[in-house]
Amino acid sequence: MDGAREAAAKNAPSAEHVETLGGGWVAEEALACGLYCALAAESFEDGIVLAVNHGGNSHSTGAIAGSILGALLGASVIPER
């Protein structure tokens, strides 16, 4: 969790930065990756795109990032499409 917060504060969002936190294949890695994506994102959509475009367990990191962003920003930021 500390690594996710530090990476989000220091780095421009990228799939490479997601992967420094692990592949998301175990719970603690998936949570760290999803948290990083939620914290680093400029918008709901940017966070989801970042979370699902890395070489690891992207469906889990996308679900986690989406849950965090939805809780933080509210349902109104979720695109209709």
Protein backbone atom coordinates (compact mmCIF):
# COMPACT_ATOMS: atom_id res chain seq x y z
CA MET A 1 0.00 0.00 0.00
CA ASP A 2 2.85 2.36 0.83
CA GLY A 3 4.45 1.61 -2.53
CA ALA A 4 1.22 2.39 -4.34
CA ARG A 5 0.82 5.73 -2.59
CA GLU A 6 4.47 6.65 -3.18
CA ALA A 7 4.35 5.68 -6.87
CA ALA A 8 1.15 7.68 -7.42
CA ALA A 9 2.67 10.75 -5.78
CA LYS A 10 5.99 10.58 -7.66
CA ASN A 11 5.33 9.23 -11.13
CA ALA A 12 3.21 9.95 -14.16
CA PRO A 13 0.61 7.18 -14.54
CA SER A 14 1.82 4.26 -16.68
CA ALA A 15 1.45 0.52 -17.05
CA GLU A 16 5.13 0.18 -16.22
CA HIS A 17 4.55 1.79 -12.84
CA VAL A 18 1.61 -0.54 -12.20
CA GLU A 19 3.87 -3.51 -12.86
CA THR A 20 6.49 -2.33 -10.34
CA LEU A 21 3.88 -3.17 -7.69
CA GLY A 22 3.51 -6.74 -8.96
CA GLY A 23 1.38 -8.58 -11.45
CA GLY A 24 -1.77 -8.54 -9.39
CA TRP A 25 -1.87 -12.34 -9.20
CA VAL A 26 -2.11 -12.35 -5.40
CA ALA A 27 -4.46 -10.22 -3.33
CA GLU A 28 -1.93 -7.78 -1.90
CA GLU A 29 -0.48 -7.08 -5.35
CA ALA A 30 -3.91 -6.64 -6.95
CA LEU A 31 -4.92 -4.24 -4.20
CA ALA A 32 -1.69 -2.24 -4.54
CA CYS A 33 -2.04 -2.04 -8.32
CA GLY A 34 -5.71 -1.01 -8.12
CA LEU A 35 -4.97 1.59 -5.46
CA TYR A 36 -2.11 3.03 -7.51
CA CYS A 37 -4.39 3.34 -10.55
CA ALA A 38 -7.11 5.03 -8.52
CA LEU A 39 -4.70 7.49 -6.91
CA ALA A 40 -2.72 8.26 -10.06
CA ALA A 41 -5.73 8.73 -12.34
CA GLU A 42 -6.94 12.11 -13.51
CA SER A 43 -10.45 10.72 -14.05
CA PHE A 44 -12.54 7.58 -13.53
CA GLU A 45 -11.96 6.47 -17.10
CA ASP A 46 -8.20 7.14 -16.97
CA GLY A 47 -7.95 5.01 -13.83
CA ILE A 48 -9.81 2.09 -15.37
CA VAL A 49 -7.83 2.23 -18.60
CA LEU A 50 -4.58 2.28 -16.62
CA ALA A 51 -5.72 -0.61 -14.43
CA VAL A 52 -6.60 -2.93 -17.31
CA ASN A 53 -3.67 -2.18 -19.62
CA HIS A 54 -0.77 -3.94 -17.97
CA GLY A 55 0.65 -7.41 -18.37
CA GLY A 56 -0.70 -8.88 -15.13
CA ASN A 57 -4.07 -9.74 -13.66
CA SER A 58 -5.77 -6.75 -15.21
CA HIS A 59 -9.38 -7.79 -14.68
CA SER A 60 -8.85 -7.87 -10.91
CA THR A 61 -6.89 -4.62 -10.81
CA GLY A 62 -9.56 -2.99 -12.98
CA ALA A 63 -12.31 -4.12 -10.63
CA ILE A 64 -10.42 -2.84 -7.60
CA ALA A 65 -9.54 0.51 -9.20
CA GLY A 66 -13.13 0.93 -10.38
CA SER A 67 -14.50 0.19 -6.93
CA ILE A 68 -12.17 2.68 -5.27
CA LEU A 69 -12.79 5.39 -7.88
CA GLY A 70 -16.55 4.82 -7.78
CA ALA A 71 -16.55 5.16 -4.01
CA LEU A 72 -14.41 8.30 -4.13
CA LEU A 73 -16.02 10.07 -7.08
CA GLY A 74 -19.58 8.72 -7.15
CA ALA A 75 -21.59 6.92 -9.80
CA SER A 76 -22.14 10.07 -11.85
CA VAL A 77 -18.55 9.93 -13.18
CA ILE A 78 -19.02 6.49 -14.73
CA PRO A 79 -19.51 6.90 -18.50
CA GLU A 80 -22.88 5.71 -19.81
CA ARG A 81 -21.28 3.62 -22.52
